[in-house]
Amino acid sequence: MTQKTKPTFFRQEVWPTQKFLTVETFEKNRVIEPRIKKLTKLLKTTNNNRLYEVAIGVATKPFNSEVSRYKKNDKFCIDGNARAEVWRRNPSLCPEYVCVKIYDIDTKEKADETYYTFDNSSAAESSSDKLSGLLRERNYTAISETVRYGKINTVLKKATRYAHDDDGLYLLTAPVEKMLDYHWNEIVFLDKNPDIFNKYKVKTSPNVTAALLMIGKKYGVNNSRFKKLIDNYCEEVSEVSTKSEMDGVTYVFNTLYSKNKEIWGNNAYSVNKLPLFGKILHGFDCFMNKKTIQKGSKIFKQEKQFIEYYKNYYHLEG
């Protein structure tokens, strides 16, 4: 009778902590900064052995270079990244040794799968965690904290709610990475502007940002008119403002804002059923096409049509 060979799941070694601290963070690891304070307190007050157990992956062969940078024998930390950062910042909390579980991994997919097994119920990834991990995976260091910490999930959902990608995938029900792919160029472009994601800038809002993603997608981020739209909105500059008409940007930061102050900064989804977003989108689109808006026009009293305008936006002519 043939004797079965026991499978090897991982090997375990005791390392000096300083050696472990030289292992790089896993490329998909979430942003750890928001957890540092809480974890520092835990390490100061708790002496549980589990806190000194960590895990790393070792690439047994080069991963697919199209989706990962790891080559054969590269090491990456898949459990213990936040603790490592606390130990670096607070040497007095750093143990002399840690117990290291070592996983031999042969593909990017297997690495992701192994990484996610270390998310327990108290540390499960939120949508922000996932987005910040995706940004790290792309080696993108965001300028604004909003983007860096992945706090753009509702903005992305608002902008892609009725969109389909080039493969015909309905993005509202698609994985968040597909939404990020769809608006990647626009996010990177807007991230360079210090005012767009500035929570202290009164007239910025999730709805404004989502509308800018959609406008940028439709007309291209290199469109000079799009750049002027952003500048005029952030600086509240009017291109046309007379007794009878105004440009679309002025309509948004002046007329719409003054009538909707109470809900202006609300989460984009919380005002999803209201026509406000469609009006913002319409105002920006008018500006892109150098169309002025007549003051007192009856079109703005037909509020239901702005909900439909939003739903059908990508299918409308400019």
C-alpha atoms as a PDB file:
ATOM      1  CA  MET A   1       0.000   0.000   0.000  1.00  0.00           C
ATOM      2  CA  THR A   2       1.412   3.392  -1.041  1.00  0.00           C
ATOM      3  CA  GLN A   3       1.956   5.764   1.839  1.00  0.00           C
ATOM      4  CA  LYS A   4       0.580   9.262   1.285  1.00  0.00           C
ATOM      5  CA  THR A   5       2.985  12.169   1.576  1.00  0.00           C
ATOM      6  CA  LYS A   6       1.946  14.860   4.010  1.00  0.00           C
ATOM      7  CA  PRO A   7       1.440  18.207   2.251  1.00  0.00           C
ATOM      8  CA  THR A   8       3.720  21.111   3.209  1.00  0.00           C
ATOM      9  CA  PHE A   9       1.618  24.174   4.001  1.00  0.00           C
ATOM     10  CA  PHE A  10       4.339  26.455   5.347  1.00  0.00           C
ATOM     11  CA  ARG A  11       7.530  26.290   7.352  1.00  0.00           C
ATOM     12  CA  GLN A  12       8.143  28.174  10.559  1.00  0.00           C
ATOM     13  CA  GLU A  13      11.301  29.882  11.740  1.00  0.00           C
ATOM     14  CA  VAL A  14      12.341  32.179  14.563  1.00  0.00           C
ATOM     15  CA  TRP A  15      13.980  35.335  13.239  1.00  0.00           C
ATOM     16  CA  PRO A  16      15.550  38.363  14.867  1.00  0.00           C
ATOM     17  CA  THR A  17      12.924  41.060  14.479  1.00  0.00           C
ATOM     18  CA  GLN A  18      15.405  43.317  12.693  1.00  0.00           C
ATOM     19  CA  LYS A  19      15.707  40.709   9.951  1.00  0.00           C
ATOM     20  CA  PHE A  20      11.927  40.572   9.575  1.00  0.00           C
ATOM     21  CA  LEU A  21      11.788  44.370   9.310  1.00  0.00           C
ATOM     22  CA  THR A  22      13.880  44.196   6.122  1.00  0.00           C
ATOM     23  CA  VAL A  23      11.139  42.257   4.293  1.00  0.00           C
ATOM     24  CA  GLU A  24       9.175  44.575   2.038  1.00  0.00           C
ATOM     25  CA  THR A  25       5.457  45.208   2.403  1.00  0.00           C
ATOM     26  CA  PHE A  26       3.213  43.113   0.156  1.00  0.00           C
ATOM     27  CA  GLU A  27       2.360  45.104  -2.965  1.00  0.00           C
ATOM     28  CA  LYS A  28      -1.390  44.862  -2.329  1.00  0.00           C
ATOM     29  CA  ASN A  29      -1.271  45.738   1.354  1.00  0.00           C
ATOM     30  CA  ARG A  30      -3.763  48.349   2.490  1.00  0.00           C
ATOM     31  CA  VAL A  31      -2.684  51.752   3.813  1.00  0.00           C
ATOM     32  CA  ILE A  32      -1.628  51.142   7.411  1.00  0.00           C
ATOM     33  CA  GLU A  33      -1.496  54.707   8.752  1.00  0.00           C
ATOM     34  CA  PRO A  34      -5.096  54.763  10.096  1.00  0.00           C
ATOM     35  CA  ARG A  35      -4.355  51.657  12.224  1.00  0.00           C
ATOM     36  CA  ILE A  36      -1.019  52.702  13.717  1.00  0.00           C
ATOM     37  CA  LYS A  37      -2.368  54.566  16.761  1.00  0.00           C
ATOM     38  CA  LYS A  38      -4.735  51.782  17.830  1.00  0.00           C
ATOM     39  CA  LEU A  39      -2.125  49.074  17.265  1.00  0.00           C
ATOM     40  CA  THR A  40       0.522  51.004  19.200  1.00  0.00           C
ATOM     41  CA  LYS A  41      -1.801  51.124  22.194  1.00  0.00           C
ATOM     42  CA  LEU A  42      -2.476  47.386  21.860  1.00  0.00           C
ATOM     43  CA  LEU A  43       1.230  46.532  21.789  1.00  0.00           C
ATOM     44  CA  LYS A  44       1.825  48.692  24.853  1.00  0.00           C
ATOM     45  CA  THR A  45      -0.891  47.025  26.902  1.00  0.00           C
ATOM     46  CA  THR A  46      -0.965  43.421  25.633  1.00  0.00           C
ATOM     47  CA  ASN A  47       1.695  40.733  25.714  1.00  0.00           C
ATOM     48  CA  ASN A  48      -0.078  37.986  23.757  1.00  0.00           C
ATOM     49  CA  ASN A  49       2.238  35.681  21.793  1.00  0.00           C
ATOM     50  CA  ARG A  50       0.049  36.055  18.689  1.00  0.00           C
ATOM     51  CA  LEU A  51       1.309  39.611  18.364  1.00  0.00           C
ATOM     52  CA  TYR A  52       4.786  38.210  17.695  1.00  0.00           C
ATOM     53  CA  GLU A  53       3.674  35.817  14.949  1.00  0.00           C
ATOM     54  CA  VAL A  54       4.076  37.145  11.410  1.00  0.00           C
ATOM     55  CA  ALA A  55       4.017  35.694   7.897  1.00  0.00           C
ATOM     56  CA  ILE A  56       5.911  36.234   4.672  1.00  0.00           C
ATOM     57  CA  GLY A  57       5.641  34.905   1.153  1.00  0.00           C
ATOM     58  CA  VAL A  58       8.564  33.784  -1.008  1.00  0.00           C
ATOM     59  CA  ALA A  59       8.178  33.742  -4.779  1.00  0.00           C
ATOM     60  CA  THR A  60       9.256  30.304  -6.032  1.00  0.00           C
ATOM     61  CA  LYS A  61       9.365  31.617  -9.587  1.00  0.00           C
ATOM     62  CA  PRO A  62       8.844  34.956 -11.335  1.00  0.00           C
ATOM     63  CA  PHE A  63       5.232  36.148 -11.189  1.00  0.00           C
ATOM     64  CA  ASN A  64       3.454  37.371 -14.314  1.00  0.00           C
ATOM     65  CA  SER A  65       5.183  40.718 -14.945  1.00  0.00           C
ATOM     66  CA  GLU A  66       1.972  42.231 -16.289  1.00  0.00           C
ATOM     67  CA  VAL A  67       0.333  42.093 -12.857  1.00  0.00           C
ATOM     68  CA  SER A  68       3.217  41.882 -10.361  1.00  0.00           C
ATOM     69  CA  ARG A  69       6.818  42.995  -9.857  1.00  0.00           C
ATOM     70  CA  TYR A  70       7.994  39.943  -7.916  1.00  0.00           C
ATOM     71  CA  LYS A  71      10.839  37.792  -9.230  1.00  0.00           C
ATOM     72  CA  LYS A  72      12.073  34.406  -8.049  1.00  0.00           C
ATOM     73  CA  ASN A  73      13.156  34.377  -4.376  1.00  0.00           C
ATOM     74  CA  ASP A  74      11.639  37.803  -3.652  1.00  0.00           C
ATOM     75  CA  LYS A  75      10.180  38.009  -0.139  1.00  0.00           C
ATOM     76  CA  PHE A  76       7.109  40.014   0.890  1.00  0.00           C
ATOM     77  CA  CYS A  77       5.252  40.429   4.163  1.00  0.00           C
ATOM     78  CA  ILE A  78       1.667  39.139   4.106  1.00  0.00           C
ATOM     79  CA  ASP A  79       0.925  39.395   7.827  1.00  0.00           C
ATOM     80  CA  GLY A  80       2.500  41.860  10.237  1.00  0.00           C
ATOM     81  CA  ASN A  81       2.978  44.969   8.085  1.00  0.00           C
ATOM     82  CA  ALA A  82       1.302  47.332  10.549  1.00  0.00           C
ATOM     83  CA  ARG A  83       3.111  45.828  13.531  1.00  0.00           C
ATOM     84  CA  ALA A  84       6.395  46.178  11.660  1.00  0.00           C
ATOM     85  CA  GLU A  85       5.731  49.883  11.211  1.00  0.00           C
ATOM     86  CA  VAL A  86       4.907  50.320  14.905  1.00  0.00           C
ATOM     87  CA  TRP A  87       8.149  48.547  15.839  1.00  0.00           C
ATOM     88  CA  ARG A  88      10.138  50.782  13.494  1.00  0.00           C
ATOM     89  CA  ARG A  89       8.643  53.899  15.066  1.00  0.00           C
ATOM     90  CA  ASN A  90       8.763  52.637  18.654  1.00  0.00           C
ATOM     91  CA  PRO A  91      11.923  50.548  19.210  1.00  0.00           C
ATOM     92  CA  SER A  92      10.971  50.083  22.873  1.00  0.00           C
ATOM     93  CA  LEU A  93       7.972  48.010  21.754  1.00  0.00           C
ATOM     94  CA  CYS A  94      10.010  45.892  19.360  1.00  0.00           C
ATOM     95  CA  PRO A  95      10.568  42.289  20.504  1.00  0.00           C
ATOM     96  CA  GLU A  96      13.962  40.701  20.052  1.00  0.00           C
ATOM     97  CA  TYR A  97      12.558  37.808  17.989  1.00  0.00           C
ATOM     98  CA  VAL A  98       9.420  36.997  16.008  1.00  0.00           C
ATOM     99  CA  CYS A  99       7.946  33.703  14.836  1.00  0.00           C
ATOM    100  CA  VAL A 100       7.828  33.775  11.031  1.00  0.00           C
ATOM    101  CA  LYS A 101       5.567  31.576   8.934  1.00  0.00           C
ATOM    102  CA  ILE A 102       7.060  31.221   5.451  1.00  0.00           C
ATOM    103  CA  TYR A 103       4.805  30.417   2.499  1.00  0.00           C
ATOM    104  CA  ASP A 104       6.260  29.320  -0.845  1.00  0.00           C
ATOM    105  CA  ILE A 105       4.096  30.982  -3.494  1.00  0.00           C
ATOM    106  CA  ASP A 106       4.288  30.544  -7.256  1.00  0.00           C
ATOM    107  CA  THR A 107       1.723  33.008  -8.689  1.00  0.00           C
ATOM    108  CA  LYS A 108       0.330  36.480  -8.114  1.00  0.00           C
ATOM    109  CA  GLU A 109      -3.142  34.995  -7.663  1.00  0.00           C
ATOM    110  CA  LYS A 110      -1.896  32.636  -4.959  1.00  0.00           C
ATOM    111  CA  ALA A 111      -0.153  35.521  -3.213  1.00  0.00           C
ATOM    112  CA  ASP A 112      -3.364  37.574  -3.153  1.00  0.00           C
ATOM    113  CA  GLU A 113      -5.328  34.586  -1.913  1.00  0.00           C
ATOM    114  CA  THR A 114      -2.852  33.904   0.899  1.00  0.00           C
ATOM    115  CA  TYR A 115      -2.764  37.579   1.902  1.00  0.00           C
ATOM    116  CA  TYR A 116      -6.548  37.708   2.254  1.00  0.00           C
ATOM    117  CA  THR A 117      -6.605  34.681   4.577  1.00  0.00           C
ATOM    118  CA  PHE A 118      -5.004  36.864   7.232  1.00  0.00           C
ATOM    119  CA  ASP A 119      -7.990  39.258   7.270  1.00  0.00           C
ATOM    120  CA  ASN A 120     -10.094  38.262  10.255  1.00  0.00           C
ATOM    121  CA  SER A 121     -13.471  39.611  11.349  1.00  0.00           C
ATOM    122  CA  SER A 122     -11.908  42.466  13.276  1.00  0.00           C
ATOM    123  CA  ALA A 123      -9.592  43.503  10.452  1.00  0.00           C
ATOM    124  CA  ALA A 124     -11.628  42.704   7.353  1.00  0.00           C
ATOM    125  CA  GLU A 125     -10.978  45.026   4.465  1.00  0.00           C
ATOM    126  CA  SER A 126     -13.423  47.837   3.891  1.00  0.00           C
ATOM    127  CA  SER A 127     -13.914  49.302   0.440  1.00  0.00           C
ATOM    128  CA  SER A 128     -11.358  51.970   1.383  1.00  0.00           C
ATOM    129  CA  ASP A 129      -8.853  49.280   2.359  1.00  0.00           C
ATOM    130  CA  LYS A 130      -9.341  47.537  -0.965  1.00  0.00           C
ATOM    131  CA  LEU A 131      -8.921  50.739  -2.945  1.00  0.00           C
ATOM    132  CA  SER A 132      -5.789  51.773  -1.064  1.00  0.00           C
ATOM    133  CA  GLY A 133      -4.403  48.272  -1.683  1.00  0.00           C
ATOM    134  CA  LEU A 134      -5.160  48.555  -5.389  1.00  0.00           C
ATOM    135  CA  LEU A 135      -3.339  51.902  -5.521  1.00  0.00           C
ATOM    136  CA  ARG A 136      -0.308  50.341  -3.839  1.00  0.00           C
ATOM    137  CA  GLU A 137      -0.441  47.452  -6.308  1.00  0.00           C
ATOM    138  CA  ARG A 138      -0.232  49.985  -9.143  1.00  0.00           C
ATOM    139  CA  ASN A 139       2.725  51.705  -7.447  1.00  0.00           C
ATOM    140  CA  TYR A 140       0.697  54.901  -7.361  1.00  0.00           C
ATOM    141  CA  THR A 141       1.358  57.301  -4.504  1.00  0.00           C
ATOM    142  CA  ALA A 142      -1.630  59.604  -4.327  1.00  0.00           C
ATOM    143  CA  ILE A 143      -1.207  63.268  -3.488  1.00  0.00           C
ATOM    144  CA  SER A 144      -4.486  63.792  -1.658  1.00  0.00           C
ATOM    145  CA  GLU A 145      -5.307  61.885   1.527  1.00  0.00           C
ATOM    146  CA  THR A 146      -8.770  61.117   0.165  1.00  0.00           C
ATOM    147  CA  VAL A 147      -7.339  59.131  -2.735  1.00  0.00           C
ATOM    148  CA  ARG A 148      -4.346  57.755  -0.799  1.00  0.00           C
ATOM    149  CA  TYR A 149      -6.588  56.195   1.845  1.00  0.00           C
ATOM    150  CA  GLY A 150      -9.028  54.882  -0.771  1.00  0.00           C
ATOM    151  CA  LYS A 151     -11.910  57.099   0.345  1.00  0.00           C
ATOM    152  CA  ILE A 152     -13.383  57.430  -3.133  1.00  0.00           C
ATOM    153  CA  ASN A 153     -15.639  54.391  -3.202  1.00  0.00           C
ATOM    154  CA  THR A 154     -18.946  56.291  -3.236  1.00  0.00           C
ATOM    155  CA  VAL A 155     -17.609  58.741  -5.813  1.00  0.00           C
ATOM    156  CA  LEU A 156     -16.651  55.847  -8.076  1.00  0.00           C
ATOM    157  CA  LYS A 157     -20.021  54.165  -7.615  1.00  0.00           C
ATOM    158  CA  LYS A 158     -21.816  57.403  -8.427  1.00  0.00           C
ATOM    159  CA  ALA A 159     -19.769  57.954 -11.593  1.00  0.00           C
ATOM    160  CA  THR A 160     -20.125  54.360 -12.835  1.00  0.00           C
ATOM    161  CA  ARG A 161     -23.698  53.644 -11.709  1.00  0.00           C
ATOM    162  CA  TYR A 162     -25.036  53.503 -15.276  1.00  0.00           C
ATOM    163  CA  ALA A 163     -21.789  52.855 -17.148  1.00  0.00           C
ATOM    164  CA  HIS A 164     -20.438  49.819 -19.012  1.00  0.00           C
ATOM    165  CA  ASP A 165     -16.755  49.290 -19.755  1.00  0.00           C
ATOM    166  CA  ASP A 166     -15.299  48.483 -23.177  1.00  0.00           C
ATOM    167  CA  ASP A 167     -16.091  44.798 -22.649  1.00  0.00           C
ATOM    168  CA  GLY A 168     -19.739  45.576 -21.943  1.00  0.00           C
ATOM    169  CA  LEU A 169     -19.407  44.886 -18.213  1.00  0.00           C
ATOM    170  CA  TYR A 170     -22.032  46.689 -16.112  1.00  0.00           C
ATOM    171  CA  LEU A 171     -19.833  48.505 -13.626  1.00  0.00           C
ATOM    172  CA  LEU A 172     -22.270  49.019 -10.762  1.00  0.00           C
ATOM    173  CA  THR A 173     -22.197  45.304  -9.983  1.00  0.00           C
ATOM    174  CA  ALA A 174     -18.559  44.817 -11.007  1.00  0.00           C
ATOM    175  CA  PRO A 175     -15.585  44.463  -8.623  1.00  0.00           C
ATOM    176  CA  VAL A 176     -14.240  47.799  -7.417  1.00  0.00           C
ATOM    177  CA  GLU A 177     -11.016  47.328  -9.408  1.00  0.00           C
ATOM    178  CA  LYS A 178     -13.086  47.486 -12.616  1.00  0.00           C
ATOM    179  CA  MET A 179     -14.554  50.830 -11.549  1.00  0.00           C
ATOM    180  CA  LEU A 180     -11.054  52.045 -10.760  1.00  0.00           C
ATOM    181  CA  ASP A 181      -9.810  50.886 -14.177  1.00  0.00           C
ATOM    182  CA  TYR A 182     -12.649  52.738 -15.901  1.00  0.00           C
ATOM    183  CA  HIS A 183     -11.879  56.090 -14.260  1.00  0.00           C
ATOM    184  CA  TRP A 184      -8.152  55.659 -13.652  1.00  0.00           C
ATOM    185  CA  ASN A 185      -6.988  58.498 -15.917  1.00  0.00           C
ATOM    186  CA  GLU A 186      -9.520  60.906 -14.445  1.00  0.00           C
ATOM    187  CA  ILE A 187      -8.645  60.018 -10.840  1.00  0.00           C
ATOM    188  CA  VAL A 188      -4.918  60.516 -11.425  1.00  0.00           C
ATOM    189  CA  PHE A 189      -5.611  63.822 -13.178  1.00  0.00           C
ATOM    190  CA  LEU A 190      -7.920  65.168 -10.462  1.00  0.00           C
ATOM    191  CA  ASP A 191      -5.582  63.992  -7.714  1.00  0.00           C
ATOM    192  CA  LYS A 192      -3.013  66.504  -8.970  1.00  0.00           C
ATOM    193  CA  ASN A 193      -5.351  69.404  -8.180  1.00  0.00           C
ATOM    194  CA  PRO A 194      -5.072  70.340  -4.482  1.00  0.00           C
ATOM    195  CA  ASP A 195      -8.647  71.638  -4.271  1.00  0.00           C
ATOM    196  CA  ILE A 196     -10.722  68.805  -5.765  1.00  0.00           C
ATOM    197  CA  PHE A 197     -10.359  66.403  -2.826  1.00  0.00           C
ATOM    198  CA  ASN A 198      -9.887  69.156  -0.231  1.00  0.00           C
ATOM    199  CA  LYS A 199     -12.532  68.611   2.462  1.00  0.00           C
ATOM    200  CA  TYR A 200     -11.959  72.169   3.682  1.00  0.00           C
ATOM    201  CA  LYS A 201     -12.901  73.622   0.311  1.00  0.00           C
ATOM    202  CA  VAL A 202     -16.580  74.408   0.953  1.00  0.00           C
ATOM    203  CA  LYS A 203     -17.956  73.889  -2.533  1.00  0.00           C
ATOM    204  CA  THR A 204     -16.231  70.619  -3.323  1.00  0.00           C
ATOM    205  CA  SER A 205     -18.344  67.536  -2.684  1.00  0.00           C
ATOM    206  CA  PRO A 206     -18.651  63.860  -3.650  1.00  0.00           C
ATOM    207  CA  ASN A 207     -21.224  64.823  -6.267  1.00  0.00           C
ATOM    208  CA  VAL A 208     -18.964  67.449  -7.827  1.00  0.00           C
ATOM    209  CA  THR A 209     -16.053  65.011  -7.925  1.00  0.00           C
ATOM    210  CA  ALA A 210     -18.185  62.237  -9.465  1.00  0.00           C
ATOM    211  CA  ALA A 211     -19.445  64.672 -12.111  1.00  0.00           C
ATOM    212  CA  LEU A 212     -15.855  65.673 -12.937  1.00  0.00           C
ATOM    213  CA  LEU A 213     -14.921  62.009 -13.378  1.00  0.00           C
ATOM    214  CA  MET A 214     -17.752  61.601 -15.875  1.00  0.00           C
ATOM    215  CA  ILE A 215     -16.944  64.820 -17.731  1.00  0.00           C
ATOM    216  CA  GLY A 216     -13.257  63.870 -17.888  1.00  0.00           C
ATOM    217  CA  LYS A 217     -14.161  60.413 -19.186  1.00  0.00           C
ATOM    218  CA  LYS A 218     -16.389  61.818 -21.908  1.00  0.00           C
ATOM    219  CA  TYR A 219     -14.171  64.638 -23.153  1.00  0.00           C
ATOM    220  CA  GLY A 220     -10.684  63.504 -22.094  1.00  0.00           C
ATOM    221  CA  VAL A 221      -8.500  64.854 -19.297  1.00  0.00           C
ATOM    222  CA  ASN A 222      -6.205  66.602 -21.786  1.00  0.00           C
ATOM    223  CA  ASN A 223      -9.065  68.687 -23.146  1.00  0.00           C
ATOM    224  CA  SER A 224      -8.129  72.325 -22.459  1.00  0.00           C
ATOM    225  CA  ARG A 225     -11.774  73.145 -21.823  1.00  0.00           C
ATOM    226  CA  PHE A 226     -11.887  70.517 -19.048  1.00  0.00           C
ATOM    227  CA  LYS A 227      -8.852  72.073 -17.383  1.00  0.00           C
ATOM    228  CA  LYS A 228     -10.508  75.474 -17.559  1.00  0.00           C
ATOM    229  CA  LEU A 229     -13.716  74.051 -16.072  1.00  0.00           C
ATOM    230  CA  ILE A 230     -11.788  72.788 -13.041  1.00  0.00           C
ATOM    231  CA  ASP A 231      -9.855  76.037 -12.595  1.00  0.00           C
ATOM    232  CA  ASN A 232     -12.973  78.174 -12.902  1.00  0.00           C
ATOM    233  CA  TYR A 233     -14.906  76.016 -10.474  1.00  0.00           C
ATOM    234  CA  CYS A 234     -12.179  75.909  -7.828  1.00  0.00           C
ATOM    235  CA  GLU A 235     -11.529  79.647  -8.096  1.00  0.00           C
ATOM    236  CA  GLU A 236     -15.228  80.506  -8.618  1.00  0.00           C
ATOM    237  CA  VAL A 237     -14.510  82.393 -11.815  1.00  0.00           C
ATOM    238  CA  SER A 238     -17.386  83.245 -14.151  1.00  0.00           C
ATOM    239  CA  GLU A 239     -16.902  83.162 -17.896  1.00  0.00           C
ATOM    240  CA  VAL A 240     -20.422  84.485 -18.546  1.00  0.00           C
ATOM    241  CA  SER A 241     -22.637  86.089 -15.914  1.00  0.00           C
ATOM    242  CA  THR A 242     -25.248  88.632 -16.992  1.00  0.00           C
ATOM    243  CA  LYS A 243     -28.807  89.433 -15.975  1.00  0.00           C
ATOM    244  CA  SER A 244     -30.143  86.904 -18.464  1.00  0.00           C
ATOM    245  CA  GLU A 245     -27.573  84.099 -18.712  1.00  0.00           C
ATOM    246  CA  MET A 246     -24.552  82.435 -17.164  1.00  0.00           C
ATOM    247  CA  ASP A 247     -22.022  79.750 -17.981  1.00  0.00           C
ATOM    248  CA  GLY A 248     -22.505  76.208 -16.653  1.00  0.00           C
ATOM    249  CA  VAL A 249     -19.757  76.409 -14.047  1.00  0.00           C
ATOM    250  CA  THR A 250     -21.207  79.594 -12.563  1.00  0.00           C
ATOM    251  CA  TYR A 251     -24.589  77.893 -12.475  1.00  0.00           C
ATOM    252  CA  VAL A 252     -23.111  75.095 -10.357  1.00  0.00           C
ATOM    253  CA  PHE A 253     -20.999  77.055  -7.837  1.00  0.00           C
ATOM    254  CA  ASN A 254     -23.445  79.947  -7.559  1.00  0.00           C
ATOM    255  CA  THR A 255     -27.054  78.984  -8.262  1.00  0.00           C
ATOM    256  CA  LEU A 256     -27.040  75.285  -7.408  1.00  0.00           C
ATOM    257  CA  TYR A 257     -24.837  75.673  -4.356  1.00  0.00           C
ATOM    258  CA  SER A 258     -26.911  78.471  -2.842  1.00  0.00           C
ATOM    259  CA  LYS A 259     -30.111  76.419  -3.251  1.00  0.00           C
ATOM    260  CA  ASN A 260     -28.617  73.177  -1.885  1.00  0.00           C
ATOM    261  CA  LYS A 261     -26.221  74.216   0.876  1.00  0.00           C
ATOM    262  CA  GLU A 262     -27.740  71.812   3.386  1.00  0.00           C
ATOM    263  CA  ILE A 263     -27.012  68.710   1.327  1.00  0.00           C
ATOM    264  CA  TRP A 264     -24.093  69.913  -0.799  1.00  0.00           C
ATOM    265  CA  GLY A 265     -21.375  68.065   1.071  1.00  0.00           C
ATOM    266  CA  ASN A 266     -23.422  64.918   1.666  1.00  0.00           C
ATOM    267  CA  ASN A 267     -22.256  61.515   0.536  1.00  0.00           C
ATOM    268  CA  ALA A 268     -22.961  61.146  -3.190  1.00  0.00           C
ATOM    269  CA  TYR A 269     -25.197  58.130  -2.628  1.00  0.00           C
ATOM    270  CA  SER A 270     -27.327  59.718   0.075  1.00  0.00           C
ATOM    271  CA  VAL A 271     -28.770  62.161  -2.450  1.00  0.00           C
ATOM    272  CA  ASN A 272     -28.874  59.672  -5.297  1.00  0.00           C
ATOM    273  CA  LYS A 273     -32.604  59.987  -5.987  1.00  0.00           C
ATOM    274  CA  LEU A 274     -32.550  63.777  -6.109  1.00  0.00           C
ATOM    275  CA  PRO A 275     -31.997  65.658  -9.382  1.00  0.00           C
ATOM    276  CA  LEU A 276     -29.076  67.637  -7.939  1.00  0.00           C
ATOM    277  CA  PHE A 277     -26.385  65.409  -9.429  1.00  0.00           C
ATOM    278  CA  GLY A 278     -27.954  65.535 -12.885  1.00  0.00           C
ATOM    279  CA  LYS A 279     -28.036  69.329 -12.667  1.00  0.00           C
ATOM    280  CA  ILE A 280     -24.357  69.503 -11.703  1.00  0.00           C
ATOM    281  CA  LEU A 281     -23.493  67.198 -14.581  1.00  0.00           C
ATOM    282  CA  HIS A 282     -25.634  69.219 -16.992  1.00  0.00           C
ATOM    283  CA  GLY A 283     -24.043  72.493 -15.886  1.00  0.00           C
ATOM    284  CA  PHE A 284     -20.521  71.172 -16.401  1.00  0.00           C
ATOM    285  CA  ASP A 285     -21.447  69.680 -19.771  1.00  0.00           C
ATOM    286  CA  CYS A 286     -22.896  73.005 -20.924  1.00  0.00           C
ATOM    287  CA  PHE A 287     -19.592  74.649 -20.016  1.00  0.00           C
ATOM    288  CA  MET A 288     -17.637  72.060 -22.013  1.00  0.00           C
ATOM    289  CA  ASN A 289     -19.711  72.916 -25.072  1.00  0.00           C
ATOM    290  CA  LYS A 290     -19.707  76.702 -24.464  1.00  0.00           C
ATOM    291  CA  LYS A 291     -23.464  76.707 -24.002  1.00  0.00           C
ATOM    292  CA  THR A 292     -24.838  79.296 -21.634  1.00  0.00           C
ATOM    293  CA  ILE A 293     -27.752  78.693 -19.272  1.00  0.00           C
ATOM    294  CA  GLN A 294     -30.670  81.072 -19.338  1.00  0.00           C
ATOM    295  CA  LYS A 295     -31.659  82.379 -15.937  1.00  0.00           C
ATOM    296  CA  GLY A 296     -35.199  81.427 -14.998  1.00  0.00           C
ATOM    297  CA  SER A 297     -35.390  78.781 -17.725  1.00  0.00           C
ATOM    298  CA  LYS A 298     -38.352  76.418 -17.294  1.00  0.00           C
ATOM    299  CA  ILE A 299     -36.116  73.456 -18.067  1.00  0.00           C
ATOM    300  CA  PHE A 300     -34.840  73.548 -14.489  1.00  0.00           C
ATOM    301  CA  LYS A 301     -38.315  73.028 -13.118  1.00  0.00           C
ATOM    302  CA  GLN A 302     -38.617  69.675 -14.875  1.00  0.00           C
ATOM    303  CA  GLU A 303     -36.558  67.913 -12.250  1.00  0.00           C
ATOM    304  CA  LYS A 304     -37.250  64.312 -13.270  1.00  0.00           C
ATOM    305  CA  GLN A 305     -35.490  64.858 -16.563  1.00  0.00           C
ATOM    306  CA  PHE A 306     -32.193  65.452 -14.747  1.00  0.00           C
ATOM    307  CA  ILE A 307     -32.359  62.026 -13.165  1.00  0.00           C
ATOM    308  CA  GLU A 308     -32.803  60.603 -16.659  1.00  0.00           C
ATOM    309  CA  TYR A 309     -30.036  62.866 -17.951  1.00  0.00           C
ATOM    310  CA  TYR A 310     -27.655  61.268 -15.454  1.00  0.00           C
ATOM    311  CA  LYS A 311     -28.766  57.733 -16.353  1.00  0.00           C
ATOM    312  CA  ASN A 312     -28.248  58.304 -20.070  1.00  0.00           C
ATOM    313  CA  TYR A 313     -25.281  60.662 -19.928  1.00  0.00           C
ATOM    314  CA  TYR A 314     -22.721  58.513 -21.730  1.00  0.00           C
ATOM    315  CA  HIS A 315     -25.157  57.958 -24.580  1.00  0.00           C
ATOM    316  CA  LEU A 316     -25.914  61.659 -25.118  1.00  0.00           C
ATOM    317  CA  GLU A 317     -24.272  63.876 -27.696  1.00  0.00           C
ATOM    318  CA  GLY A 318     -22.285  66.797 -26.315  1.00  0.00           C
END
